[in-house]
Amino acid sequence: MLKECRQALRITTDAYDGELCSLMRAAVKDLEIAGVIIPGRVAFSTTVTTAGTTTNDGSTLKDPLVMRAVFTYVRQHFGSPDDYDRLKESYNTQKVQLMHADAYTNYDGGDCE
């Protein structure tokens, strides 16, 4: 997923991998706090090889809607984007949509009949 995140941000270097992984973890945690169940949830981490390069441990999220929300969150918080407010609104909209989708929550409608 780190590779896909770099592509979404149009970053060609691995120099920011640690920060990107940290932001991806924060995004996933934010979604989970909001009650979103993330299919295929696996922890993110990076390792530094003896050659000094940073690599992903193979952790992935495969759900395209969750990935898009995570990438939007990362883009919003990475550096100082000129369109911060637009990105924030976009992420919040994506989060709310996931929070209200049956496939991403445990909400069963309760016992009201």
PDB file of N, CA and C in Angstrom:
ATOM      1  N   MET A   1       0.815  -1.188   0.000  1.00  0.00           N
ATOM      2  CA  MET A   1       0.000   0.000   0.000  1.00  0.00           C
ATOM      3  C   MET A   1       0.865   1.261   0.000  1.00  0.00           C
ATOM      4  N   LEU A   2       2.052   1.150   0.533  1.00  0.00           N
ATOM      5  CA  LEU A   2       2.952   2.299   0.553  1.00  0.00           C
ATOM      6  C   LEU A   2       3.277   2.756  -0.862  1.00  0.00           C
ATOM      7  N   LYS A   3       3.493   1.808  -1.749  1.00  0.00           N
ATOM      8  CA  LYS A   3       3.778   2.148  -3.146  1.00  0.00           C
ATOM      9  C   LYS A   3       2.610   2.901  -3.768  1.00  0.00           C
ATOM     10  N   GLU A   4       1.392   2.424  -3.516  1.00  0.00           N
ATOM     11  CA  GLU A   4       0.200   3.077  -4.042  1.00  0.00           C
ATOM     12  C   GLU A   4       0.039   4.475  -3.452  1.00  0.00           C
ATOM     13  N   CYS A   5       0.391   4.629  -2.177  1.00  0.00           N
ATOM     14  CA  CYS A   5       0.304   5.937  -1.531  1.00  0.00           C
ATOM     15  C   CYS A   5       1.291   6.911  -2.175  1.00  0.00           C
ATOM     16  N   ARG A   6       2.517   6.447  -2.396  1.00  0.00           N
ATOM     17  CA  ARG A   6       3.502   7.292  -3.073  1.00  0.00           C
ATOM     18  C   ARG A   6       2.998   7.711  -4.445  1.00  0.00           C
ATOM     19  N   GLN A   7       2.410   6.771  -5.173  1.00  0.00           N
ATOM     20  CA  GLN A   7       1.879   7.082  -6.504  1.00  0.00           C
ATOM     21  C   GLN A   7       0.752   8.107  -6.414  1.00  0.00           C
ATOM     22  N   ALA A   8      -0.137   7.945  -5.438  1.00  0.00           N
ATOM     23  CA  ALA A   8      -1.250   8.880  -5.280  1.00  0.00           C
ATOM     24  C   ALA A   8      -0.757  10.288  -4.962  1.00  0.00           C
ATOM     25  N   LEU A   9       0.355  10.379  -4.247  1.00  0.00           N
ATOM     26  CA  LEU A   9       0.934  11.675  -3.890  1.00  0.00           C
ATOM     27  C   LEU A   9       1.946  12.159  -4.927  1.00  0.00           C
ATOM     28  N   ARG A  10       2.190  11.326  -5.932  1.00  0.00           N
ATOM     29  CA  ARG A  10       3.170  11.620  -6.983  1.00  0.00           C
ATOM     30  C   ARG A  10       4.570  11.843  -6.403  1.00  0.00           C
ATOM     31  N   ILE A  11       4.922  10.956  -5.463  1.00  0.00           N
ATOM     32  CA  ILE A  11       6.249  10.980  -4.846  1.00  0.00           C
ATOM     33  C   ILE A  11       7.057   9.842  -5.446  1.00  0.00           C
ATOM     34  N   THR A  12       8.274  10.124  -5.891  1.00  0.00           N
ATOM     35  CA  THR A  12       9.097   9.087  -6.513  1.00  0.00           C
ATOM     36  C   THR A  12      10.205   8.588  -5.599  1.00  0.00           C
ATOM     37  N   THR A  13      10.446   9.237  -4.490  1.00  0.00           N
ATOM     38  CA  THR A  13      11.504   8.833  -3.574  1.00  0.00           C
ATOM     39  C   THR A  13      10.924   8.068  -2.384  1.00  0.00           C
ATOM     40  N   ASP A  14      11.745   7.239  -1.765  1.00  0.00           N
ATOM     41  CA  ASP A  14      11.308   6.538  -0.568  1.00  0.00           C
ATOM     42  C   ASP A  14      11.754   7.273   0.709  1.00  0.00           C
ATOM     43  N   ALA A  15      12.244   8.481   0.557  1.00  0.00           N
ATOM     44  CA  ALA A  15      12.746   9.255   1.695  1.00  0.00           C
ATOM     45  C   ALA A  15      11.655   9.583   2.717  1.00  0.00           C
ATOM     46  N   TYR A  16      10.402   9.589   2.296  1.00  0.00           N
ATOM     47  CA  TYR A  16       9.303   9.959   3.190  1.00  0.00           C
ATOM     48  C   TYR A  16       8.483   8.756   3.663  1.00  0.00           C
ATOM     49  N   ASP A  17       8.968   7.553   3.412  1.00  0.00           N
ATOM     50  CA  ASP A  17       8.191   6.357   3.721  1.00  0.00           C
ATOM     51  C   ASP A  17       7.776   6.267   5.183  1.00  0.00           C
ATOM     52  N   GLY A  18       8.656   6.605   6.095  1.00  0.00           N
ATOM     53  CA  GLY A  18       8.321   6.558   7.517  1.00  0.00           C
ATOM     54  C   GLY A  18       7.166   7.481   7.846  1.00  0.00           C
ATOM     55  N   GLU A  19       7.216   8.707   7.339  1.00  0.00           N
ATOM     56  CA  GLU A  19       6.141   9.666   7.581  1.00  0.00           C
ATOM     57  C   GLU A  19       4.842   9.216   6.922  1.00  0.00           C
ATOM     58  N   LEU A  20       4.939   8.695   5.704  1.00  0.00           N
ATOM     59  CA  LEU A  20       3.739   8.229   5.012  1.00  0.00           C
ATOM     60  C   LEU A  20       3.086   7.078   5.766  1.00  0.00           C
ATOM     61  N   CYS A  21       3.895   6.137   6.259  1.00  0.00           N
ATOM     62  CA  CYS A  21       3.346   5.010   7.027  1.00  0.00           C
ATOM     63  C   CYS A  21       2.692   5.500   8.308  1.00  0.00           C
ATOM     64  N   SER A  22       3.309   6.452   8.957  1.00  0.00           N
ATOM     65  CA  SER A  22       2.737   7.019  10.180  1.00  0.00           C
ATOM     66  C   SER A  22       1.384   7.672   9.886  1.00  0.00           C
ATOM     67  N   LEU A  23       1.307   8.418   8.801  1.00  0.00           N
ATOM     68  CA  LEU A  23       0.047   9.054   8.424  1.00  0.00           C
ATOM     69  C   LEU A  23      -1.007   8.028   8.025  1.00  0.00           C
ATOM     70  N   MET A  24      -0.597   6.953   7.357  1.00  0.00           N
ATOM     71  CA  MET A  24      -1.554   5.902   7.000  1.00  0.00           C
ATOM     72  C   MET A  24      -2.103   5.240   8.257  1.00  0.00           C
ATOM     73  N   ARG A  25      -1.233   4.987   9.242  1.00  0.00           N
ATOM     74  CA  ARG A  25      -1.686   4.411  10.506  1.00  0.00           C
ATOM     75  C   ARG A  25      -2.686   5.343  11.191  1.00  0.00           C
ATOM     76  N   ALA A  26      -2.378   6.639  11.188  1.00  0.00           N
ATOM     77  CA  ALA A  26      -3.277   7.620  11.804  1.00  0.00           C
ATOM     78  C   ALA A  26      -4.628   7.643  11.095  1.00  0.00           C
ATOM     79  N   ALA A  27      -4.615   7.560   9.779  1.00  0.00           N
ATOM     80  CA  ALA A  27      -5.864   7.566   9.013  1.00  0.00           C
ATOM     81  C   ALA A  27      -6.714   6.345   9.349  1.00  0.00           C
ATOM     82  N   VAL A  28      -6.083   5.186   9.392  1.00  0.00           N
ATOM     83  CA  VAL A  28      -6.804   3.960   9.715  1.00  0.00           C
ATOM     84  C   VAL A  28      -7.377   4.051  11.124  1.00  0.00           C
ATOM     85  N   LYS A  29      -6.593   4.551  12.064  1.00  0.00           N
ATOM     86  CA  LYS A  29      -7.059   4.693  13.446  1.00  0.00           C
ATOM     87  C   LYS A  29      -8.229   5.671  13.508  1.00  0.00           C
ATOM     88  N   ASP A  30      -8.155   6.771  12.774  1.00  0.00           N
ATOM     89  CA  ASP A  30      -9.240   7.747  12.744  1.00  0.00           C
ATOM     90  C   ASP A  30     -10.521   7.112  12.218  1.00  0.00           C
ATOM     91  N   LEU A  31     -10.411   6.324  11.171  1.00  0.00           N
ATOM     92  CA  LEU A  31     -11.583   5.637  10.629  1.00  0.00           C
ATOM     93  C   LEU A  31     -12.145   4.637  11.639  1.00  0.00           C
ATOM     94  N   GLU A  32     -11.274   3.901  12.309  1.00  0.00           N
ATOM     95  CA  GLU A  32     -11.725   2.924  13.298  1.00  0.00           C
ATOM     96  C   GLU A  32     -12.412   3.604  14.478  1.00  0.00           C
ATOM     97  N   ILE A  33     -11.874   4.725  14.935  1.00  0.00           N
ATOM     98  CA  ILE A  33     -12.500   5.469  16.033  1.00  0.00           C
ATOM     99  C   ILE A  33     -13.899   5.919  15.633  1.00  0.00           C
ATOM    100  N   ALA A  34     -14.076   6.238  14.359  1.00  0.00           N
ATOM    101  CA  ALA A  34     -15.375   6.671  13.850  1.00  0.00           C
ATOM    102  C   ALA A  34     -16.341   5.495  13.677  1.00  0.00           C
ATOM    103  N   GLY A  35     -15.877   4.275  13.929  1.00  0.00           N
ATOM    104  CA  GLY A  35     -16.739   3.102  13.839  1.00  0.00           C
ATOM    105  C   GLY A  35     -16.671   2.358  12.524  1.00  0.00           C
ATOM    106  N   VAL A  36     -15.741   2.735  11.672  1.00  0.00           N
ATOM    107  CA  VAL A  36     -15.599   2.074  10.377  1.00  0.00           C
ATOM    108  C   VAL A  36     -14.833   0.770  10.561  1.00  0.00           C
ATOM    109  N   ILE A  37     -15.409  -0.306  10.058  1.00  0.00           N
ATOM    110  CA  ILE A  37     -14.723  -1.597  10.050  1.00  0.00           C
ATOM    111  C   ILE A  37     -13.952  -1.678   8.750  1.00  0.00           C
ATOM    112  N   ILE A  38     -12.668  -1.936   8.836  1.00  0.00           N
ATOM    113  CA  ILE A  38     -11.812  -1.921   7.660  1.00  0.00           C
ATOM    114  C   ILE A  38     -11.512  -3.356   7.233  1.00  0.00           C
ATOM    115  N   PRO A  39     -12.061  -3.764   6.079  1.00  0.00           N
ATOM    116  CA  PRO A  39     -11.800  -5.121   5.593  1.00  0.00           C
ATOM    117  C   PRO A  39     -10.307  -5.346   5.345  1.00  0.00           C
ATOM    118  N   GLY A  40      -9.786  -6.471   5.793  1.00  0.00           N
ATOM    119  CA  GLY A  40      -8.386  -6.806   5.553  1.00  0.00           C
ATOM    120  C   GLY A  40      -7.413  -5.957   6.345  1.00  0.00           C
ATOM    121  N   ARG A  41      -7.838  -5.438   7.492  1.00  0.00           N
ATOM    122  CA  ARG A  41      -7.004  -4.551   8.294  1.00  0.00           C
ATOM    123  C   ARG A  41      -5.741  -5.257   8.742  1.00  0.00           C
ATOM    124  N   VAL A  42      -4.590  -4.686   8.368  1.00  0.00           N
ATOM    125  CA  VAL A  42      -3.283  -5.189   8.772  1.00  0.00           C
ATOM    126  C   VAL A  42      -2.463  -3.987   9.178  1.00  0.00           C
ATOM    127  N   ALA A  43      -1.623  -4.146  10.189  1.00  0.00           N
ATOM    128  CA  ALA A  43      -0.786  -3.027  10.650  1.00  0.00           C
ATOM    129  C   ALA A  43       0.221  -2.639   9.574  1.00  0.00           C
ATOM    130  N   PHE A  44       0.586  -1.357   9.569  1.00  0.00           N
ATOM    131  CA  PHE A  44       1.596  -0.849   8.654  1.00  0.00           C
ATOM    132  C   PHE A  44       2.908  -0.716   9.412  1.00  0.00           C
ATOM    133  N   SER A  45       3.999  -0.993   8.743  1.00  0.00           N
ATOM    134  CA  SER A  45       5.294  -0.707   9.343  1.00  0.00           C
ATOM    135  C   SER A  45       6.318  -0.588   8.226  1.00  0.00           C
ATOM    136  N   THR A  46       7.431  -0.002   8.562  1.00  0.00           N
ATOM    137  CA  THR A  46       8.528   0.083   7.601  1.00  0.00           C
ATOM    138  C   THR A  46       9.769  -0.461   8.264  1.00  0.00           C
ATOM    139  N   THR A  47      10.680  -0.915   7.444  1.00  0.00           N
ATOM    140  CA  THR A  47      11.959  -1.378   7.946  1.00  0.00           C
ATOM    141  C   THR A  47      13.052  -0.743   7.108  1.00  0.00           C
ATOM    142  N   VAL A  48      14.192  -0.543   7.706  1.00  0.00           N
ATOM    143  CA  VAL A  48      15.325   0.011   6.973  1.00  0.00           C
ATOM    144  C   VAL A  48      16.292  -1.134   6.727  1.00  0.00           C
ATOM    145  N   THR A  49      16.612  -1.365   5.473  1.00  0.00           N
ATOM    146  CA  THR A  49      17.517  -2.448   5.112  1.00  0.00           C
ATOM    147  C   THR A  49      18.954  -2.030   5.353  1.00  0.00           C
ATOM    148  N   THR A  50      19.858  -2.973   5.244  1.00  0.00           N
ATOM    149  CA  THR A  50      21.278  -2.666   5.440  1.00  0.00           C
ATOM    150  C   THR A  50      21.795  -1.699   4.390  1.00  0.00           C
ATOM    151  N   ALA A  51      21.115  -1.652   3.229  1.00  0.00           N
ATOM    152  CA  ALA A  51      21.515  -0.716   2.182  1.00  0.00           C
ATOM    153  C   ALA A  51      20.997   0.689   2.474  1.00  0.00           C
ATOM    154  N   GLY A  52      20.186   0.825   3.548  1.00  0.00           N
ATOM    155  CA  GLY A  52      19.686   2.126   3.924  1.00  0.00           C
ATOM    156  C   GLY A  52      18.380   2.507   3.266  1.00  0.00           C
ATOM    157  N   THR A  53      17.753   1.562   2.544  1.00  0.00           N
ATOM    158  CA  THR A  53      16.482   1.883   1.906  1.00  0.00           C
ATOM    159  C   THR A  53      15.326   1.456   2.807  1.00  0.00           C
ATOM    160  N   THR A  54      14.249   2.179   2.718  1.00  0.00           N
ATOM    161  CA  THR A  54      13.072   1.870   3.516  1.00  0.00           C
ATOM    162  C   THR A  54      12.114   1.053   2.671  1.00  0.00           C
ATOM    163  N   THR A  55      11.611  -0.020   3.271  1.00  0.00           N
ATOM    164  CA  THR A  55      10.686  -0.871   2.531  1.00  0.00           C
ATOM    165  C   THR A  55       9.428  -1.114   3.347  1.00  0.00           C
ATOM    166  N   ASN A  56       8.367  -1.439   2.654  1.00  0.00           N
ATOM    167  CA  ASN A  56       7.117  -1.792   3.293  1.00  0.00           C
ATOM    168  C   ASN A  56       7.192  -3.254   3.700  1.00  0.00           C
ATOM    169  N   ASP A  57       6.517  -3.617   4.788  1.00  0.00           N
ATOM    170  CA  ASP A  57       6.540  -5.002   5.234  1.00  0.00           C
ATOM    171  C   ASP A  57       5.517  -5.871   4.509  1.00  0.00           C
ATOM    172  N   GLY A  58       4.864  -5.328   3.487  1.00  0.00           N
ATOM    173  CA  GLY A  58       3.890  -6.104   2.732  1.00  0.00           C
ATOM    174  C   GLY A  58       2.467  -5.905   3.213  1.00  0.00           C
ATOM    175  N   SER A  59       2.260  -5.108   4.257  1.00  0.00           N
ATOM    176  CA  SER A  59       0.912  -4.875   4.755  1.00  0.00           C
ATOM    177  C   SER A  59       0.093  -4.136   3.712  1.00  0.00           C
ATOM    178  N   THR A  60      -1.144  -4.542   3.566  1.00  0.00           N
ATOM    179  CA  THR A  60      -1.975  -3.920   2.544  1.00  0.00           C
ATOM    180  C   THR A  60      -3.397  -3.732   3.032  1.00  0.00           C
ATOM    181  N   LEU A  61      -4.055  -2.802   2.439  1.00  0.00           N
ATOM    182  CA  LEU A  61      -5.505  -2.653   2.509  1.00  0.00           C
ATOM    183  C   LEU A  61      -5.960  -2.786   1.069  1.00  0.00           C
ATOM    184  N   LYS A  62      -6.938  -3.608   0.825  1.00  0.00           N
ATOM    185  CA  LYS A  62      -7.337  -3.842  -0.553  1.00  0.00           C
ATOM    186  C   LYS A  62      -8.649  -3.160  -0.910  1.00  0.00           C
ATOM    187  N   ASP A  63      -9.379  -2.683   0.071  1.00  0.00           N
ATOM    188  CA  ASP A  63     -10.658  -2.054  -0.216  1.00  0.00           C
ATOM    189  C   ASP A  63     -10.433  -0.686  -0.850  1.00  0.00           C
ATOM    190  N   PRO A  64     -10.937  -0.464  -2.056  1.00  0.00           N
ATOM    191  CA  PRO A  64     -10.646   0.794  -2.761  1.00  0.00           C
ATOM    192  C   PRO A  64     -11.217   2.036  -2.081  1.00  0.00           C
ATOM    193  N   LEU A  65     -12.360   1.923  -1.420  1.00  0.00           N
ATOM    194  CA  LEU A  65     -12.925   3.090  -0.747  1.00  0.00           C
ATOM    195  C   LEU A  65     -12.108   3.473   0.484  1.00  0.00           C
ATOM    196  N   VAL A  66     -11.676   2.478   1.230  1.00  0.00           N
ATOM    197  CA  VAL A  66     -10.837   2.751   2.399  1.00  0.00           C
ATOM    198  C   VAL A  66      -9.487   3.301   1.949  1.00  0.00           C
ATOM    199  N   MET A  67      -8.924   2.710   0.913  1.00  0.00           N
ATOM    200  CA  MET A  67      -7.638   3.199   0.407  1.00  0.00           C
ATOM    201  C   MET A  67      -7.746   4.659  -0.021  1.00  0.00           C
ATOM    202  N   ARG A  68      -8.816   5.010  -0.716  1.00  0.00           N
ATOM    203  CA  ARG A  68      -8.986   6.387  -1.179  1.00  0.00           C
ATOM    204  C   ARG A  68      -9.091   7.332   0.012  1.00  0.00           C
ATOM    205  N   ALA A  69      -9.829   6.942   1.056  1.00  0.00           N
ATOM    206  CA  ALA A  69      -9.941   7.783   2.249  1.00  0.00           C
ATOM    207  C   ALA A  69      -8.585   7.934   2.929  1.00  0.00           C
ATOM    208  N   VAL A  70      -7.836   6.842   3.039  1.00  0.00           N
ATOM    209  CA  VAL A  70      -6.510   6.892   3.661  1.00  0.00           C
ATOM    210  C   VAL A  70      -5.586   7.804   2.864  1.00  0.00           C
ATOM    211  N   PHE A  71      -5.588   7.676   1.555  1.00  0.00           N
ATOM    212  CA  PHE A  71      -4.719   8.513   0.726  1.00  0.00           C
ATOM    213  C   PHE A  71      -5.108   9.988   0.825  1.00  0.00           C
ATOM    214  N   THR A  72      -6.403  10.267   0.915  1.00  0.00           N
ATOM    215  CA  THR A  72      -6.842  11.653   1.064  1.00  0.00           C
ATOM    216  C   THR A  72      -6.362  12.224   2.391  1.00  0.00           C
ATOM    217  N   TYR A  73      -6.475  11.421   3.456  1.00  0.00           N
ATOM    218  CA  TYR A  73      -5.991  11.842   4.773  1.00  0.00           C
ATOM    219  C   TYR A  73      -4.490  12.129   4.726  1.00  0.00           C
ATOM    220  N   VAL A  74      -3.741  11.217   4.120  1.00  0.00           N
ATOM    221  CA  VAL A  74      -2.286  11.391   4.028  1.00  0.00           C
ATOM    222  C   VAL A  74      -1.960  12.659   3.239  1.00  0.00           C
ATOM    223  N   ARG A  75      -2.627  12.840   2.129  1.00  0.00           N
ATOM    224  CA  ARG A  75      -2.371  14.029   1.312  1.00  0.00           C
ATOM    225  C   ARG A  75      -2.687  15.310   2.081  1.00  0.00           C
ATOM    226  N   GLN A  76      -3.753  15.265   2.873  1.00  0.00           N
ATOM    227  CA  GLN A  76      -4.155  16.421   3.676  1.00  0.00           C
ATOM    228  C   GLN A  76      -3.085  16.784   4.708  1.00  0.00           C
ATOM    229  N   HIS A  77      -2.453  15.778   5.292  1.00  0.00           N
ATOM    230  CA  HIS A  77      -1.523  16.012   6.397  1.00  0.00           C
ATOM    231  C   HIS A  77      -0.047  15.976   6.007  1.00  0.00           C
ATOM    232  N   PHE A  78       0.241  15.642   4.765  1.00  0.00           N
ATOM    233  CA  PHE A  78       1.633  15.553   4.325  1.00  0.00           C
ATOM    234  C   PHE A  78       2.091  16.916   3.816  1.00  0.00           C
ATOM    235  N   GLY A  79       3.112  17.454   4.461  1.00  0.00           N
ATOM    236  CA  GLY A  79       3.616  18.769   4.061  1.00  0.00           C
ATOM    237  C   GLY A  79       2.619  19.861   4.393  1.00  0.00           C
ATOM    238  N   SER A  80       2.557  20.869   3.559  1.00  0.00           N
ATOM    239  CA  SER A  80       1.620  21.988   3.729  1.00  0.00           C
ATOM    240  C   SER A  80       0.862  22.208   2.424  1.00  0.00           C
ATOM    241  N   PRO A  81      -0.141  21.368   2.155  1.00  0.00           N
ATOM    242  CA  PRO A  81      -0.840  21.486   0.871  1.00  0.00           C
ATOM    243  C   PRO A  81      -1.619  22.796   0.770  1.00  0.00           C
ATOM    244  N   ASP A  82      -1.640  23.363  -0.413  1.00  0.00           N
ATOM    245  CA  ASP A  82      -2.394  24.596  -0.657  1.00  0.00           C
ATOM    246  C   ASP A  82      -3.893  24.371  -0.533  1.00  0.00           C
ATOM    247  N   ASP A  83      -4.323  23.141  -0.783  1.00  0.00           N
ATOM    248  CA  ASP A  83      -5.757  22.836  -0.775  1.00  0.00           C
ATOM    249  C   ASP A  83      -6.166  22.054   0.478  1.00  0.00           C
ATOM    250  N   TYR A  84      -5.574  22.410   1.623  1.00  0.00           N
ATOM    251  CA  TYR A  84      -5.830  21.710   2.886  1.00  0.00           C
ATOM    252  C   TYR A  84      -7.325  21.636   3.195  1.00  0.00           C
ATOM    253  N   ASP A  85      -8.028  22.766   3.114  1.00  0.00           N
ATOM    254  CA  ASP A  85      -9.450  22.794   3.467  1.00  0.00           C
ATOM    255  C   ASP A  85     -10.275  21.892   2.556  1.00  0.00           C
ATOM    256  N   ARG A  86      -9.958  21.888   1.274  1.00  0.00           N
ATOM    257  CA  ARG A  86     -10.672  21.022   0.326  1.00  0.00           C
ATOM    258  C   ARG A  86     -10.412  19.553   0.640  1.00  0.00           C
ATOM    259  N   LEU A  87      -9.157  19.232   0.954  1.00  0.00           N
ATOM    260  CA  LEU A  87      -8.807  17.858   1.293  1.00  0.00           C
ATOM    261  C   LEU A  87      -9.474  17.422   2.591  1.00  0.00           C
ATOM    262  N   LYS A  88      -9.524  18.321   3.567  1.00  0.00           N
ATOM    263  CA  LYS A  88     -10.172  18.008   4.840  1.00  0.00           C
ATOM    264  C   LYS A  88     -11.652  17.712   4.624  1.00  0.00           C
ATOM    265  N   GLU A  89     -12.314  18.545   3.841  1.00  0.00           N
ATOM    266  CA  GLU A  89     -13.729  18.331   3.547  1.00  0.00           C
ATOM    267  C   GLU A  89     -13.924  17.012   2.792  1.00  0.00           C
ATOM    268  N   SER A  90     -13.046  16.729   1.853  1.00  0.00           N
ATOM    269  CA  SER A  90     -13.136  15.491   1.083  1.00  0.00           C
ATOM    270  C   SER A  90     -12.965  14.270   1.983  1.00  0.00           C
ATOM    271  N   TYR A  91     -11.957  14.299   2.856  1.00  0.00           N
ATOM    272  CA  TYR A  91     -11.735  13.169   3.769  1.00  0.00           C
ATOM    273  C   TYR A  91     -12.931  12.985   4.698  1.00  0.00           C
ATOM    274  N   ASN A  92     -13.424  14.076   5.265  1.00  0.00           N
ATOM    275  CA  ASN A  92     -14.561  13.975   6.178  1.00  0.00           C
ATOM    276  C   ASN A  92     -15.789  13.413   5.472  1.00  0.00           C
ATOM    277  N   THR A  93     -16.007  13.796   4.224  1.00  0.00           N
ATOM    278  CA  THR A  93     -17.125  13.257   3.446  1.00  0.00           C
ATOM    279  C   THR A  93     -16.949  11.760   3.219  1.00  0.00           C
ATOM    280  N   GLN A  94     -15.742  11.352   2.862  1.00  0.00           N
ATOM    281  CA  GLN A  94     -15.476   9.929   2.647  1.00  0.00           C
ATOM    282  C   GLN A  94     -15.675   9.147   3.941  1.00  0.00           C
ATOM    283  N   LYS A  95     -15.208   9.695   5.055  1.00  0.00           N
ATOM    284  CA  LYS A  95     -15.353   9.013   6.350  1.00  0.00           C
ATOM    285  C   LYS A  95     -16.829   8.853   6.706  1.00  0.00           C
ATOM    286  N   VAL A  96     -17.619   9.900   6.532  1.00  0.00           N
ATOM    287  CA  VAL A  96     -19.049   9.833   6.848  1.00  0.00           C
ATOM    288  C   VAL A  96     -19.743   8.802   5.965  1.00  0.00           C
ATOM    289  N   GLN A  97     -19.383   8.755   4.697  1.00  0.00           N
ATOM    290  CA  GLN A  97     -19.989   7.766   3.807  1.00  0.00           C
ATOM    291  C   GLN A  97     -19.665   6.347   4.272  1.00  0.00           C
ATOM    292  N   LEU A  98     -18.428   6.110   4.686  1.00  0.00           N
ATOM    293  CA  LEU A  98     -18.056   4.785   5.197  1.00  0.00           C
ATOM    294  C   LEU A  98     -18.786   4.488   6.504  1.00  0.00           C
ATOM    295  N   MET A  99     -18.934   5.507   7.357  1.00  0.00           N
ATOM    296  CA  MET A  99     -19.605   5.328   8.644  1.00  0.00           C
ATOM    297  C   MET A  99     -21.078   4.948   8.464  1.00  0.00           C
ATOM    298  N   HIS A 100     -21.678   5.359   7.354  1.00  0.00           N
ATOM    299  CA  HIS A 100     -23.089   5.094   7.131  1.00  0.00           C
ATOM    300  C   HIS A 100     -23.354   3.914   6.194  1.00  0.00           C
ATOM    301  N   ALA A 101     -22.324   3.293   5.719  1.00  0.00           N
ATOM    302  CA  ALA A 101     -22.485   2.149   4.816  1.00  0.00           C
ATOM    303  C   ALA A 101     -22.511   0.853   5.619  1.00  0.00           C
ATOM    304  N   ASP A 102     -23.536   0.051   5.408  1.00  0.00           N
ATOM    305  CA  ASP A 102     -23.686  -1.198   6.152  1.00  0.00           C
ATOM    306  C   ASP A 102     -22.471  -2.102   6.040  1.00  0.00           C
ATOM    307  N   ALA A 103     -21.820  -2.114   4.893  1.00  0.00           N
ATOM    308  CA  ALA A 103     -20.682  -3.008   4.679  1.00  0.00           C
ATOM    309  C   ALA A 103     -19.465  -2.625   5.519  1.00  0.00           C
ATOM    310  N   TYR A 104     -19.469  -1.422   6.097  1.00  0.00           N
ATOM    311  CA  TYR A 104     -18.308  -0.945   6.838  1.00  0.00           C
ATOM    312  C   TYR A 104     -18.613  -0.692   8.309  1.00  0.00           C
ATOM    313  N   THR A 105     -19.741  -1.174   8.797  1.00  0.00           N
ATOM    314  CA  THR A 105     -20.102  -0.983  10.202  1.00  0.00           C
ATOM    315  C   THR A 105     -20.711  -2.249  10.764  1.00  0.00           C
ATOM    316  N   ASN A 106     -20.824  -2.314  12.078  1.00  0.00           N
ATOM    317  CA  ASN A 106     -21.495  -3.423  12.748  1.00  0.00           C
ATOM    318  C   ASN A 106     -22.940  -3.079  13.089  1.00  0.00           C
ATOM    319  N   TYR A 107     -23.397  -1.919  12.672  1.00  0.00           N
ATOM    320  CA  TYR A 107     -24.731  -1.479  13.029  1.00  0.00           C
ATOM    321  C   TYR A 107     -25.751  -2.419  12.417  1.00  0.00           C
ATOM    322  N   ASP A 108     -26.639  -2.949  13.268  1.00  0.00           N
ATOM    323  CA  ASP A 108     -27.649  -3.895  12.784  1.00  0.00           C
ATOM    324  C   ASP A 108     -29.061  -3.335  12.812  1.00  0.00           C
ATOM    325  N   GLY A 109     -29.202  -2.060  13.109  1.00  0.00           N
ATOM    326  CA  GLY A 109     -30.533  -1.454  13.123  1.00  0.00           C
ATOM    327  C   GLY A 109     -31.229  -1.530  14.477  1.00  0.00           C
ATOM    328  N   GLY A 110     -30.657  -2.245  15.417  1.00  0.00           N
ATOM    329  CA  GLY A 110     -31.260  -2.330  16.756  1.00  0.00           C
ATOM    330  C   GLY A 110     -32.455  -3.253  16.809  1.00  0.00           C
ATOM    331  N   ASP A 111     -33.162  -3.211  17.919  1.00  0.00           N
ATOM    332  CA  ASP A 111     -34.302  -4.093  18.142  1.00  0.00           C
ATOM    333  C   ASP A 111     -35.645  -3.406  17.933  1.00  0.00           C
ATOM    334  N   CYS A 112     -35.645  -2.227  17.384  1.00  0.00           N
ATOM    335  CA  CYS A 112     -36.894  -1.482  17.187  1.00  0.00           C
ATOM    336  C   CYS A 112     -37.691  -2.105  16.044  1.00  0.00           C
ATOM    337  N   GLU A 113     -38.967  -2.399  16.337  1.00  0.00           N
ATOM    338  CA  GLU A 113     -39.830  -2.928  15.273  1.00  0.00           C
ATOM    339  C   GLU A 113     -41.187  -2.306  15.383  1.00  0.00           C
TER     340      GLU A 113
END
